[in-house]
Structures are given as C-alpha cells and as structure tokens.
Amino acid sequence: MPTVALIDYGSGNLRSAEKALARAAGTLSRGHEVVVTDAPDVIARADRIVLPGVGAFSACMDALEQRPGLLEAMTDAVQTQGRPFLGVCVGMQLLASRGLEFGPRAGLDWIKGEVRRLEPGEDALKVPHVGWNDVSALPHPLFREASTSQMYFTHSYVFDPTDPGVVLAVSDYGGTITAAVANANVAGVQFHPEKSQGAGLALIARFLEWRP
C-alpha cells in the first residue's frame, strides 16, 4: 500500500490534515496509508510527502532543521528521488528561497522566490486574510482543468515566486496573490484544503493520484 508521510515538526494542524488525507484516500480505488512522522527512515521510504504549516516562517523552518535527519531525508526523497510533495499554507511558503517575517530567513529554496507580508490594495481588507476566497487555476493534474473554486485561507504572508511560470493558481485579495505553485514533483497551496470541504478533499485526492 502506498504511504503518505505527513511531516510532524510541531507546526500544529496535524490532526485535521491527517483526517482529510484519510478521507480523500477513502474515495480512491487504491488505498493509502497516512503516517504522521518526523522519523527520517519513514520519510525516506514514503511514496508521497505532505508538509503542513501553521505559524511564522522562521519558527517553522527552525523546527524542521532542529529535528535530526528530517530535513535531509525529506530533501533526498523529494529533490533526488522525485517523490510527489505537497506543501500547505506555511508548508508552501517554506518552498521559497527566503521569508521576510521577523527579518530575512532562508527557506528550502526548492522554488525560487520570497515570502512577503500581505498588503491588500483596499483599506477595508484585513490582515490576516481569513475566510473563503475564489481560486482560479491553470490546467494541472491537481486541479484537472482550468477552473475556479472556493478555498479557505488563513494567512498574513504571501509567496512571490521569481518565475511566474510556476504559479498554478491565484486568488484576489485587494490584488492578485499566489494561491498555488507547482514545479515538477513539488507543489504547494496557500489555502487549507483540509478546511475547504469538497473542493479541498478533491484536490487532496488528486494529489494522491498525481504522477509527475
């Protein structure tokens, strides 16, 4: 049975992410074992990897680095072995070259770019951005075809990739913001699919079937 490693590095939100992965897997003909782990050997053997994220960029990056062997195993599995990867919220932001929250901090640098504070162009819009918003996607296996769907967001920072060609989906919050990125076997979403009801579960199911 294929395994999905849900990375546990103390970022929170693991339980809802685990339940959503299990529910999405239950809709597929082939089963998937969802393993919540920070064990390098488990991560190294996993068929797919999901990196959730709640909190500040620098704190989450520090937590990844402080767990012995975790970052190395994840990097080898994704960057060398080509295992499908999905980053969620801050888990997507960590893909960047650097984040600017509480000062510059190096990220994974798997997708070039930086994470900056969200600055809506309308005074009435609040930061953090919390709630449902339309997401407009380009054709990609994670979204099937060019589409618009409602997803649930909660964030104060946004990812600005260097190469606009990696932007898979956008949303509007007083200006265009990156809602999803993808480059080869690496993908990330700014919204929370585990909190986005049917549309979010469908995206998770497509990730579980993704063959980049």
N, C-alpha and C. Protein backbone atom coordinates (compact mmCIF):
# COMPACT_ATOMS: atom_id res chain seq x y z
N MET A 1 0.84 -1.19 0.00
CA MET A 1 0.00 0.00 0.00
C MET A 1 0.88 1.25 0.00
N PRO A 2 0.61 2.22 -0.88
CA PRO A 2 1.40 3.45 -0.89
C PRO A 2 1.28 4.19 0.44
N THR A 3 2.38 4.80 0.86
CA THR A 3 2.39 5.54 2.11
C THR A 3 2.52 7.04 1.86
N VAL A 4 1.84 7.82 2.68
CA VAL A 4 1.92 9.27 2.64
C VAL A 4 2.50 9.73 3.97
N ALA A 5 3.67 10.36 3.93
CA ALA A 5 4.28 10.88 5.15
C ALA A 5 3.77 12.30 5.38
N LEU A 6 3.03 12.49 6.47
CA LEU A 6 2.59 13.82 6.90
C LEU A 6 3.60 14.30 7.93
N ILE A 7 4.39 15.30 7.56
CA ILE A 7 5.54 15.67 8.38
C ILE A 7 5.11 16.35 9.67
N ASP A 8 5.58 15.79 10.79
CA ASP A 8 5.29 16.33 12.12
C ASP A 8 6.54 17.06 12.61
N TYR A 9 6.48 18.39 12.57
CA TYR A 9 7.60 19.17 13.09
C TYR A 9 7.10 20.21 14.09
N GLY A 10 5.94 19.91 14.69
CA GLY A 10 5.41 20.76 15.74
C GLY A 10 4.66 21.98 15.27
N SER A 11 4.22 21.98 14.00
CA SER A 11 3.58 23.17 13.46
C SER A 11 2.08 23.26 13.78
N GLY A 12 1.51 22.21 14.32
CA GLY A 12 0.07 22.21 14.60
C GLY A 12 -0.74 21.81 13.38
N ASN A 13 -2.05 21.71 13.57
CA ASN A 13 -3.00 21.40 12.50
C ASN A 13 -2.82 20.01 11.92
N LEU A 14 -2.06 19.15 12.60
CA LEU A 14 -1.79 17.83 12.06
C LEU A 14 -3.03 16.95 12.03
N ARG A 15 -3.85 17.03 13.07
CA ARG A 15 -5.00 16.13 13.17
C ARG A 15 -5.98 16.35 12.03
N SER A 16 -6.30 17.61 11.72
CA SER A 16 -7.25 17.86 10.64
C SER A 16 -6.65 17.49 9.29
N ALA A 17 -5.36 17.70 9.12
CA ALA A 17 -4.70 17.31 7.87
C ALA A 17 -4.69 15.79 7.72
N GLU A 18 -4.42 15.09 8.80
CA GLU A 18 -4.41 13.62 8.77
C GLU A 18 -5.80 13.08 8.41
N LYS A 19 -6.82 13.63 9.04
CA LYS A 19 -8.18 13.17 8.77
C LYS A 19 -8.58 13.44 7.33
N ALA A 20 -8.21 14.60 6.80
CA ALA A 20 -8.55 14.94 5.42
C ALA A 20 -7.84 14.01 4.44
N LEU A 21 -6.58 13.71 4.69
CA LEU A 21 -5.85 12.78 3.83
C LEU A 21 -6.50 11.40 3.84
N ALA A 22 -6.88 10.95 5.04
CA ALA A 22 -7.52 9.63 5.15
C ALA A 22 -8.87 9.62 4.44
N ARG A 23 -9.64 10.69 4.58
CA ARG A 23 -10.94 10.77 3.90
C ARG A 23 -10.78 10.78 2.39
N ALA A 24 -9.83 11.57 1.91
CA ALA A 24 -9.59 11.63 0.47
C ALA A 24 -9.12 10.28 -0.05
N ALA A 25 -8.24 9.62 0.69
CA ALA A 25 -7.76 8.30 0.28
C ALA A 25 -8.90 7.29 0.20
N GLY A 26 -9.89 7.45 1.08
CA GLY A 26 -11.03 6.55 1.09
C GLY A 26 -11.92 6.64 -0.13
N THR A 27 -11.78 7.73 -0.89
CA THR A 27 -12.58 7.89 -2.11
C THR A 27 -11.93 7.24 -3.32
N LEU A 28 -10.70 6.75 -3.16
CA LEU A 28 -9.95 6.20 -4.28
C LEU A 28 -10.01 4.68 -4.29
N SER A 29 -9.80 4.12 -5.43
CA SER A 29 -9.84 2.66 -5.55
C SER A 29 -8.64 2.00 -4.88
N ARG A 30 -7.52 2.68 -4.86
CA ARG A 30 -6.32 2.15 -4.22
C ARG A 30 -6.11 2.83 -2.88
N GLY A 31 -5.90 2.05 -1.83
CA GLY A 31 -5.73 2.60 -0.50
C GLY A 31 -4.38 3.27 -0.32
N HIS A 32 -4.31 4.16 0.66
CA HIS A 32 -3.07 4.83 1.04
C HIS A 32 -2.96 4.81 2.55
N GLU A 33 -1.77 4.54 3.05
CA GLU A 33 -1.51 4.62 4.49
C GLU A 33 -0.95 6.00 4.81
N VAL A 34 -1.64 6.73 5.70
CA VAL A 34 -1.19 8.06 6.11
C VAL A 34 -0.43 7.92 7.42
N VAL A 35 0.83 8.35 7.41
CA VAL A 35 1.70 8.22 8.58
C VAL A 35 2.14 9.61 9.04
N VAL A 36 1.78 9.98 10.26
CA VAL A 36 2.26 11.24 10.85
C VAL A 36 3.62 10.96 11.47
N THR A 37 4.66 11.65 10.99
CA THR A 37 6.01 11.24 11.40
C THR A 37 7.02 12.37 11.29
N ASP A 38 8.07 12.25 12.11
CA ASP A 38 9.27 13.05 11.92
C ASP A 38 10.49 12.13 11.81
N ALA A 39 10.25 10.84 11.59
CA ALA A 39 11.33 9.85 11.53
C ALA A 39 11.96 9.84 10.14
N PRO A 40 13.25 10.11 10.03
CA PRO A 40 13.89 10.15 8.72
C PRO A 40 13.74 8.86 7.91
N ASP A 41 13.80 7.69 8.57
CA ASP A 41 13.70 6.44 7.82
C ASP A 41 12.31 6.25 7.23
N VAL A 42 11.28 6.70 7.94
CA VAL A 42 9.91 6.59 7.43
C VAL A 42 9.72 7.55 6.26
N ILE A 43 10.23 8.76 6.42
CA ILE A 43 10.13 9.76 5.35
C ILE A 43 10.86 9.29 4.10
N ALA A 44 12.02 8.68 4.29
CA ALA A 44 12.82 8.21 3.16
C ALA A 44 12.09 7.14 2.35
N ARG A 45 11.23 6.34 3.01
CA ARG A 45 10.52 5.26 2.32
C ARG A 45 9.16 5.68 1.78
N ALA A 46 8.69 6.85 2.17
CA ALA A 46 7.32 7.26 1.82
C ALA A 46 7.18 7.48 0.32
N ASP A 47 5.99 7.17 -0.19
CA ASP A 47 5.71 7.37 -1.60
C ASP A 47 5.33 8.80 -1.91
N ARG A 48 4.76 9.50 -0.92
CA ARG A 48 4.37 10.90 -1.06
C ARG A 48 4.63 11.62 0.25
N ILE A 49 4.84 12.92 0.16
CA ILE A 49 5.14 13.70 1.36
C ILE A 49 4.26 14.94 1.38
N VAL A 50 3.68 15.21 2.55
CA VAL A 50 2.87 16.41 2.76
C VAL A 50 3.48 17.19 3.92
N LEU A 51 3.73 18.49 3.68
CA LEU A 51 4.29 19.36 4.71
C LEU A 51 3.25 20.41 5.08
N PRO A 52 2.60 20.26 6.24
CA PRO A 52 1.62 21.27 6.68
C PRO A 52 2.36 22.46 7.28
N GLY A 53 1.62 23.46 7.70
CA GLY A 53 2.28 24.60 8.31
C GLY A 53 1.31 25.58 8.93
N VAL A 54 1.55 25.89 10.20
CA VAL A 54 0.80 26.93 10.91
C VAL A 54 1.82 27.69 11.75
N GLY A 55 1.87 29.01 11.60
CA GLY A 55 2.80 29.79 12.39
C GLY A 55 3.71 30.64 11.52
N ALA A 56 4.79 31.10 12.11
CA ALA A 56 5.72 32.00 11.44
C ALA A 56 6.73 31.21 10.60
N PHE A 57 7.12 31.79 9.48
CA PHE A 57 8.07 31.17 8.56
C PHE A 57 9.34 30.74 9.28
N SER A 58 9.96 31.67 10.00
CA SER A 58 11.25 31.38 10.63
C SER A 58 11.13 30.28 11.69
N ALA A 59 10.07 30.31 12.48
CA ALA A 59 9.88 29.30 13.52
C ALA A 59 9.68 27.92 12.90
N CYS A 60 8.91 27.86 11.82
CA CYS A 60 8.69 26.57 11.16
C CYS A 60 9.96 26.05 10.52
N MET A 61 10.74 26.92 9.90
CA MET A 61 12.00 26.49 9.30
C MET A 61 12.97 26.01 10.38
N ASP A 62 13.01 26.72 11.49
CA ASP A 62 13.86 26.30 12.61
C ASP A 62 13.46 24.91 13.10
N ALA A 63 12.16 24.69 13.22
CA ALA A 63 11.67 23.41 13.73
C ALA A 63 12.05 22.25 12.80
N LEU A 64 12.00 22.48 11.50
CA LEU A 64 12.43 21.45 10.55
C LEU A 64 13.91 21.11 10.74
N GLU A 65 14.72 22.14 10.89
CA GLU A 65 16.17 21.95 10.99
C GLU A 65 16.58 21.32 12.32
N GLN A 66 15.77 21.52 13.36
CA GLN A 66 16.14 21.03 14.69
C GLN A 66 15.84 19.55 14.89
N ARG A 67 15.09 18.94 13.99
CA ARG A 67 14.79 17.51 14.12
C ARG A 67 15.84 16.72 13.33
N PRO A 68 16.66 15.95 14.04
CA PRO A 68 17.81 15.30 13.40
C PRO A 68 17.42 14.46 12.18
N GLY A 69 18.02 14.77 11.06
CA GLY A 69 17.85 13.97 9.85
C GLY A 69 16.58 14.20 9.08
N LEU A 70 15.63 14.96 9.65
CA LEU A 70 14.33 15.13 8.99
C LEU A 70 14.48 15.87 7.66
N LEU A 71 15.13 17.02 7.70
CA LEU A 71 15.25 17.84 6.51
C LEU A 71 16.05 17.13 5.42
N GLU A 72 17.08 16.41 5.84
CA GLU A 72 17.90 15.68 4.87
C GLU A 72 17.10 14.57 4.20
N ALA A 73 16.31 13.83 4.99
CA ALA A 73 15.50 12.75 4.43
C ALA A 73 14.43 13.28 3.50
N MET A 74 13.79 14.38 3.90
CA MET A 74 12.75 14.97 3.06
C MET A 74 13.34 15.50 1.76
N THR A 75 14.49 16.16 1.84
CA THR A 75 15.13 16.71 0.65
C THR A 75 15.54 15.60 -0.31
N ASP A 76 16.11 14.53 0.22
CA ASP A 76 16.53 13.42 -0.65
C ASP A 76 15.31 12.78 -1.32
N ALA A 77 14.24 12.54 -0.55
CA ALA A 77 13.06 11.90 -1.10
C ALA A 77 12.43 12.74 -2.20
N VAL A 78 12.37 14.05 -1.99
CA VAL A 78 11.67 14.93 -2.94
C VAL A 78 12.59 15.38 -4.07
N GLN A 79 13.76 15.91 -3.71
CA GLN A 79 14.64 16.51 -4.70
C GLN A 79 15.46 15.50 -5.48
N THR A 80 15.85 14.40 -4.84
CA THR A 80 16.68 13.39 -5.51
C THR A 80 15.84 12.25 -6.06
N GLN A 81 14.93 11.72 -5.24
CA GLN A 81 14.12 10.57 -5.66
C GLN A 81 12.88 10.96 -6.44
N GLY A 82 12.48 12.23 -6.39
CA GLY A 82 11.35 12.69 -7.18
C GLY A 82 9.98 12.30 -6.65
N ARG A 83 9.87 12.09 -5.34
CA ARG A 83 8.56 11.74 -4.76
C ARG A 83 7.63 12.95 -4.80
N PRO A 84 6.36 12.76 -5.06
CA PRO A 84 5.41 13.88 -5.08
C PRO A 84 5.32 14.54 -3.71
N PHE A 85 5.30 15.87 -3.71
CA PHE A 85 5.33 16.66 -2.48
C PHE A 85 4.23 17.71 -2.54
N LEU A 86 3.55 17.92 -1.42
CA LEU A 86 2.56 18.98 -1.30
C LEU A 86 2.82 19.76 -0.02
N GLY A 87 3.05 21.08 -0.16
CA GLY A 87 3.17 21.96 0.98
C GLY A 87 1.87 22.73 1.16
N VAL A 88 1.43 22.87 2.40
CA VAL A 88 0.15 23.52 2.70
C VAL A 88 0.38 24.75 3.58
N CYS A 89 -0.12 25.90 3.14
CA CYS A 89 -0.02 27.17 3.85
C CYS A 89 1.45 27.52 4.11
N VAL A 90 1.90 27.57 5.36
CA VAL A 90 3.31 27.84 5.60
C VAL A 90 4.18 26.75 5.00
N GLY A 91 3.65 25.53 4.90
CA GLY A 91 4.37 24.45 4.23
C GLY A 91 4.67 24.78 2.78
N MET A 92 3.79 25.54 2.12
CA MET A 92 4.08 26.03 0.78
C MET A 92 5.10 27.15 0.84
N GLN A 93 4.94 28.07 1.78
CA GLN A 93 5.85 29.22 1.86
C GLN A 93 7.29 28.79 2.10
N LEU A 94 7.50 27.70 2.82
CA LEU A 94 8.85 27.22 3.11
C LEU A 94 9.57 26.75 1.85
N LEU A 95 8.85 26.54 0.76
CA LEU A 95 9.49 26.19 -0.50
C LEU A 95 10.35 27.33 -1.04
N ALA A 96 10.10 28.55 -0.60
CA ALA A 96 10.74 29.74 -1.14
C ALA A 96 12.22 29.81 -0.77
N SER A 97 12.92 30.70 -1.48
CA SER A 97 14.33 30.95 -1.18
C SER A 97 14.49 31.60 0.19
N ARG A 98 13.56 32.51 0.52
CA ARG A 98 13.62 33.14 1.83
C ARG A 98 12.27 33.71 2.21
N GLY A 99 12.08 33.89 3.51
CA GLY A 99 10.90 34.55 4.04
C GLY A 99 11.32 35.81 4.76
N LEU A 100 10.43 36.81 4.81
CA LEU A 100 10.76 38.11 5.40
C LEU A 100 10.04 38.36 6.72
N GLU A 101 9.34 37.36 7.24
CA GLU A 101 8.62 37.52 8.51
C GLU A 101 9.62 37.57 9.66
N PHE A 102 9.59 38.64 10.45
CA PHE A 102 10.55 38.84 11.55
C PHE A 102 11.98 38.89 11.04
N GLY A 103 12.19 39.41 9.84
CA GLY A 103 13.52 39.52 9.27
C GLY A 103 13.80 38.40 8.28
N PRO A 104 14.76 38.60 7.39
CA PRO A 104 15.06 37.58 6.36
C PRO A 104 15.49 36.25 6.98
N ARG A 105 14.93 35.17 6.41
CA ARG A 105 15.26 33.81 6.87
C ARG A 105 15.27 32.90 5.66
N ALA A 106 16.34 32.15 5.49
CA ALA A 106 16.42 31.23 4.35
C ALA A 106 15.37 30.14 4.45
N GLY A 107 14.77 29.80 3.30
CA GLY A 107 13.82 28.70 3.22
C GLY A 107 14.45 27.49 2.56
N LEU A 108 13.63 26.58 2.09
CA LEU A 108 14.13 25.37 1.43
C LEU A 108 14.77 25.68 0.09
N ASP A 109 14.34 26.75 -0.57
CA ASP A 109 14.86 27.16 -1.87
C ASP A 109 14.57 26.11 -2.95
N TRP A 110 13.45 25.40 -2.82
CA TRP A 110 13.05 24.45 -3.85
C TRP A 110 12.34 25.14 -5.01
N ILE A 111 11.72 26.28 -4.73
CA ILE A 111 11.13 27.12 -5.77
C ILE A 111 11.60 28.55 -5.48
N LYS A 112 12.33 29.13 -6.41
CA LYS A 112 12.93 30.44 -6.19
C LYS A 112 11.85 31.51 -5.95
N GLY A 113 12.12 32.39 -4.98
CA GLY A 113 11.20 33.47 -4.68
C GLY A 113 11.27 33.82 -3.20
N GLU A 114 10.43 34.76 -2.77
CA GLU A 114 10.42 35.15 -1.38
C GLU A 114 8.99 35.29 -0.86
N VAL A 115 8.89 35.19 0.44
CA VAL A 115 7.60 35.30 1.13
C VAL A 115 7.56 36.65 1.83
N ARG A 116 6.59 37.48 1.44
CA ARG A 116 6.47 38.84 1.98
C ARG A 116 5.11 39.01 2.67
N ARG A 117 4.99 40.09 3.42
CA ARG A 117 3.73 40.38 4.11
C ARG A 117 2.64 40.70 3.10
N LEU A 118 1.46 40.20 3.36
CA LEU A 118 0.30 40.50 2.54
C LEU A 118 -0.10 41.96 2.73
N GLU A 119 -0.21 42.69 1.62
CA GLU A 119 -0.58 44.11 1.67
C GLU A 119 -1.71 44.36 0.69
N PRO A 120 -2.96 44.16 1.12
CA PRO A 120 -4.11 44.37 0.23
C PRO A 120 -4.19 45.81 -0.24
N GLY A 121 -4.62 45.99 -1.48
CA GLY A 121 -4.75 47.33 -2.04
C GLY A 121 -6.03 48.03 -1.66
N GLU A 122 -6.79 47.46 -0.74
CA GLU A 122 -8.05 48.07 -0.29
C GLU A 122 -8.02 48.18 1.22
N ASP A 123 -8.29 49.38 1.74
CA ASP A 123 -8.20 49.61 3.18
C ASP A 123 -9.17 48.76 3.99
N ALA A 124 -10.28 48.37 3.39
CA ALA A 124 -11.30 47.61 4.13
C ALA A 124 -10.89 46.16 4.36
N LEU A 125 -9.90 45.68 3.64
CA LEU A 125 -9.48 44.28 3.76
C LEU A 125 -8.49 44.12 4.91
N LYS A 126 -8.74 43.13 5.74
CA LYS A 126 -7.95 42.91 6.94
C LYS A 126 -6.79 41.96 6.69
N VAL A 127 -5.76 42.09 7.51
CA VAL A 127 -4.65 41.14 7.57
C VAL A 127 -4.53 40.68 9.01
N PRO A 128 -4.58 39.39 9.29
CA PRO A 128 -4.53 38.29 8.33
C PRO A 128 -5.80 38.14 7.49
N HIS A 129 -5.62 37.53 6.34
CA HIS A 129 -6.71 37.17 5.45
C HIS A 129 -7.27 35.83 5.93
N VAL A 130 -8.48 35.86 6.43
CA VAL A 130 -9.11 34.65 6.96
C VAL A 130 -10.48 34.48 6.31
N GLY A 131 -10.70 33.34 5.68
CA GLY A 131 -12.01 33.06 5.12
C GLY A 131 -11.95 32.45 3.73
N TRP A 132 -13.12 32.35 3.12
CA TRP A 132 -13.25 31.71 1.81
C TRP A 132 -12.95 32.71 0.71
N ASN A 133 -12.28 32.23 -0.34
CA ASN A 133 -11.96 33.08 -1.47
C ASN A 133 -11.91 32.23 -2.74
N ASP A 134 -12.25 32.86 -3.86
CA ASP A 134 -12.15 32.17 -5.14
C ASP A 134 -10.69 31.90 -5.48
N VAL A 135 -10.46 30.72 -6.03
CA VAL A 135 -9.14 30.34 -6.53
C VAL A 135 -9.28 30.00 -8.00
N SER A 136 -8.51 30.69 -8.84
CA SER A 136 -8.54 30.46 -10.28
C SER A 136 -7.27 29.73 -10.68
N ALA A 137 -7.44 28.53 -11.25
CA ALA A 137 -6.30 27.66 -11.52
C ALA A 137 -6.09 27.44 -13.01
N LEU A 138 -4.84 27.22 -13.38
CA LEU A 138 -4.49 26.80 -14.73
C LEU A 138 -4.65 25.29 -14.84
N PRO A 139 -4.67 24.74 -16.04
CA PRO A 139 -4.75 23.28 -16.19
C PRO A 139 -3.56 22.60 -15.52
N HIS A 140 -3.84 21.64 -14.66
CA HIS A 140 -2.80 20.89 -13.95
C HIS A 140 -3.48 19.68 -13.31
N PRO A 141 -2.78 18.56 -13.15
CA PRO A 141 -3.40 17.38 -12.53
C PRO A 141 -4.01 17.63 -11.16
N LEU A 142 -3.50 18.60 -10.40
CA LEU A 142 -4.08 18.87 -9.08
C LEU A 142 -5.43 19.56 -9.18
N PHE A 143 -5.66 20.24 -10.29
CA PHE A 143 -6.93 20.94 -10.48
C PHE A 143 -7.72 20.38 -11.67
N ARG A 144 -7.15 19.40 -12.33
CA ARG A 144 -7.75 18.76 -13.50
C ARG A 144 -7.74 19.66 -14.72
N GLU A 145 -8.43 20.77 -14.66
CA GLU A 145 -8.52 21.67 -15.81
C GLU A 145 -8.65 23.10 -15.29
N ALA A 146 -8.52 24.07 -16.21
CA ALA A 146 -8.68 25.46 -15.78
C ALA A 146 -10.02 25.61 -15.08
N SER A 147 -10.00 26.12 -13.86
CA SER A 147 -11.22 26.14 -13.06
C SER A 147 -11.16 27.24 -12.01
N THR A 148 -12.32 27.51 -11.43
CA THR A 148 -12.42 28.41 -10.29
C THR A 148 -13.17 27.69 -9.19
N SER A 149 -12.62 27.71 -7.98
CA SER A 149 -13.28 27.06 -6.85
C SER A 149 -13.06 27.91 -5.61
N GLN A 150 -13.85 27.65 -4.58
CA GLN A 150 -13.74 28.36 -3.31
C GLN A 150 -12.88 27.55 -2.36
N MET A 151 -11.87 28.20 -1.79
CA MET A 151 -10.99 27.54 -0.82
C MET A 151 -10.86 28.42 0.41
N TYR A 152 -10.45 27.79 1.52
CA TYR A 152 -10.38 28.50 2.80
C TYR A 152 -8.93 28.93 3.09
N PHE A 153 -8.76 30.22 3.35
CA PHE A 153 -7.44 30.80 3.62
C PHE A 153 -7.33 31.29 5.05
N THR A 154 -6.14 31.26 5.59
CA THR A 154 -5.82 31.98 6.81
C THR A 154 -4.31 32.26 6.80
N HIS A 155 -3.93 33.50 6.48
CA HIS A 155 -2.51 33.82 6.33
C HIS A 155 -2.31 35.34 6.34
N SER A 156 -1.07 35.73 6.67
CA SER A 156 -0.66 37.13 6.67
C SER A 156 0.48 37.39 5.69
N TYR A 157 1.04 36.32 5.14
CA TYR A 157 2.17 36.44 4.21
C TYR A 157 1.85 35.68 2.93
N VAL A 158 2.49 36.11 1.84
CA VAL A 158 2.25 35.50 0.53
C VAL A 158 3.58 35.19 -0.14
N PHE A 159 3.55 34.17 -1.00
CA PHE A 159 4.73 33.72 -1.74
C PHE A 159 4.75 34.39 -3.11
N ASP A 160 5.85 35.09 -3.38
CA ASP A 160 6.08 35.70 -4.70
C ASP A 160 7.20 34.94 -5.41
N PRO A 161 6.87 33.97 -6.27
CA PRO A 161 7.93 33.23 -6.97
C PRO A 161 8.67 34.12 -7.97
N THR A 162 9.94 33.84 -8.16
CA THR A 162 10.75 34.56 -9.14
C THR A 162 10.26 34.28 -10.55
N ASP A 163 9.92 33.04 -10.82
CA ASP A 163 9.44 32.62 -12.14
C ASP A 163 7.92 32.55 -12.12
N PRO A 164 7.22 33.44 -12.81
CA PRO A 164 5.75 33.37 -12.81
C PRO A 164 5.21 32.09 -13.42
N GLY A 165 6.05 31.37 -14.14
CA GLY A 165 5.61 30.13 -14.75
C GLY A 165 5.30 29.02 -13.77
N VAL A 166 5.75 29.15 -12.52
CA VAL A 166 5.46 28.12 -11.52
C VAL A 166 4.13 28.39 -10.80
N VAL A 167 3.52 29.55 -11.05
CA VAL A 167 2.25 29.87 -10.40
C VAL A 167 1.14 29.05 -11.04
N LEU A 168 0.53 28.20 -10.24
CA LEU A 168 -0.50 27.29 -10.72
C LEU A 168 -1.90 27.88 -10.55
N ALA A 169 -2.09 28.66 -9.48
CA ALA A 169 -3.40 29.24 -9.20
C ALA A 169 -3.22 30.56 -8.47
N VAL A 170 -4.20 31.43 -8.64
CA VAL A 170 -4.16 32.74 -7.97
C VAL A 170 -5.50 33.01 -7.30
N SER A 171 -5.48 33.97 -6.40
CA SER A 171 -6.69 34.46 -5.77
C SER A 171 -6.59 35.97 -5.72
N ASP A 172 -7.70 36.63 -5.43
CA ASP A 172 -7.70 38.09 -5.36
C ASP A 172 -8.05 38.52 -3.94
N TYR A 173 -7.15 39.29 -3.35
CA TYR A 173 -7.43 39.88 -2.03
C TYR A 173 -6.83 41.27 -2.03
N GLY A 174 -7.55 42.20 -2.65
CA GLY A 174 -7.03 43.54 -2.84
C GLY A 174 -5.84 43.55 -3.78
N GLY A 175 -5.80 42.61 -4.68
CA GLY A 175 -4.69 42.38 -5.60
C GLY A 175 -4.47 40.90 -5.76
N THR A 176 -3.76 40.52 -6.80
CA THR A 176 -3.54 39.11 -7.07
C THR A 176 -2.52 38.52 -6.11
N ILE A 177 -2.86 37.38 -5.52
CA ILE A 177 -1.93 36.66 -4.65
C ILE A 177 -1.77 35.23 -5.16
N THR A 178 -0.61 34.66 -4.90
CA THR A 178 -0.34 33.28 -5.30
C THR A 178 -1.11 32.33 -4.41
N ALA A 179 -1.95 31.51 -5.04
CA ALA A 179 -2.73 30.52 -4.28
C ALA A 179 -2.16 29.12 -4.38
N ALA A 180 -1.40 28.83 -5.44
CA ALA A 180 -0.79 27.52 -5.60
C ALA A 180 0.39 27.63 -6.55
N VAL A 181 1.40 26.80 -6.29
CA VAL A 181 2.58 26.73 -7.15
C VAL A 181 2.87 25.27 -7.46
N ALA A 182 3.57 25.04 -8.56
CA ALA A 182 3.98 23.68 -8.91
C ALA A 182 5.20 23.75 -9.81
N ASN A 183 6.16 22.89 -9.53
CA ASN A 183 7.37 22.76 -10.35
C ASN A 183 7.82 21.31 -10.28
N ALA A 184 7.68 20.61 -11.41
CA ALA A 184 7.99 19.18 -11.47
C ALA A 184 7.16 18.43 -10.43
N ASN A 185 7.80 17.72 -9.48
CA ASN A 185 7.08 16.92 -8.49
C ASN A 185 6.74 17.68 -7.22
N VAL A 186 7.03 18.98 -7.19
CA VAL A 186 6.82 19.80 -6.00
C VAL A 186 5.65 20.74 -6.22
N ALA A 187 4.69 20.72 -5.29
CA ALA A 187 3.53 21.61 -5.37
C ALA A 187 3.24 22.18 -3.99
N GLY A 188 2.57 23.32 -3.98
CA GLY A 188 2.17 23.93 -2.73
C GLY A 188 0.92 24.74 -2.90
N VAL A 189 0.13 24.84 -1.84
CA VAL A 189 -1.10 25.63 -1.85
C VAL A 189 -1.11 26.55 -0.64
N GLN A 190 -1.51 27.81 -0.86
CA GLN A 190 -1.58 28.77 0.24
C GLN A 190 -2.81 28.53 1.11
N PHE A 191 -3.88 28.06 0.51
CA PHE A 191 -5.11 27.79 1.25
C PHE A 191 -5.00 26.45 1.99
N HIS A 192 -6.02 26.16 2.79
CA HIS A 192 -6.06 24.92 3.56
C HIS A 192 -7.06 23.96 2.91
N PRO A 193 -6.60 23.00 2.11
CA PRO A 193 -7.55 22.06 1.51
C PRO A 193 -8.29 21.23 2.54
N GLU A 194 -7.65 20.97 3.68
CA GLU A 194 -8.30 20.16 4.72
C GLU A 194 -9.46 20.89 5.37
N LYS A 195 -9.57 22.22 5.16
CA LYS A 195 -10.67 23.01 5.70
C LYS A 195 -11.60 23.51 4.60
N SER A 196 -11.37 23.06 3.37
CA SER A 196 -12.09 23.59 2.22
C SER A 196 -13.17 22.66 1.69
N GLN A 197 -13.66 21.78 2.56
CA GLN A 197 -14.80 20.90 2.25
C GLN A 197 -14.55 20.09 0.97
N GLY A 198 -15.57 19.96 0.14
CA GLY A 198 -15.49 19.07 -1.01
C GLY A 198 -14.40 19.43 -1.99
N ALA A 199 -14.24 20.72 -2.27
CA ALA A 199 -13.21 21.14 -3.23
C ALA A 199 -11.81 20.81 -2.72
N GLY A 200 -11.62 21.00 -1.42
CA GLY A 200 -10.31 20.70 -0.85
C GLY A 200 -10.02 19.22 -0.82
N LEU A 201 -11.02 18.40 -0.46
CA LEU A 201 -10.82 16.95 -0.45
C LEU A 201 -10.55 16.42 -1.85
N ALA A 202 -11.21 17.01 -2.85
CA ALA A 202 -10.97 16.60 -4.23
C ALA A 202 -9.54 16.89 -4.65
N LEU A 203 -9.01 18.04 -4.23
CA LEU A 203 -7.63 18.36 -4.55
C LEU A 203 -6.67 17.38 -3.88
N ILE A 204 -6.93 17.06 -2.62
CA ILE A 204 -6.08 16.10 -1.91
C ILE A 204 -6.11 14.75 -2.62
N ALA A 205 -7.29 14.31 -3.03
CA ALA A 205 -7.41 13.04 -3.74
C ALA A 205 -6.60 13.06 -5.05
N ARG A 206 -6.64 14.18 -5.74
CA ARG A 206 -5.87 14.29 -6.98
C ARG A 206 -4.37 14.26 -6.69
N PHE A 207 -3.95 14.86 -5.56
CA PHE A 207 -2.54 14.77 -5.18
C PHE A 207 -2.14 13.32 -4.95
N LEU A 208 -3.01 12.55 -4.32
CA LEU A 208 -2.70 11.15 -4.04
C LEU A 208 -2.58 10.31 -5.32
N GLU A 209 -3.17 10.79 -6.39
CA GLU A 209 -3.09 10.08 -7.67
C GLU A 209 -2.09 10.72 -8.64
N TRP A 210 -1.50 11.82 -8.24
CA TRP A 210 -0.61 12.59 -9.11
C TRP A 210 0.63 11.79 -9.46
N ARG A 211 0.95 11.74 -10.75
CA ARG A 211 2.15 11.08 -11.23
C ARG A 211 3.01 12.08 -12.01
N PRO A 212 3.76 12.93 -11.31
CA PRO A 212 4.52 13.97 -12.02
C PRO A 212 5.69 13.38 -12.83
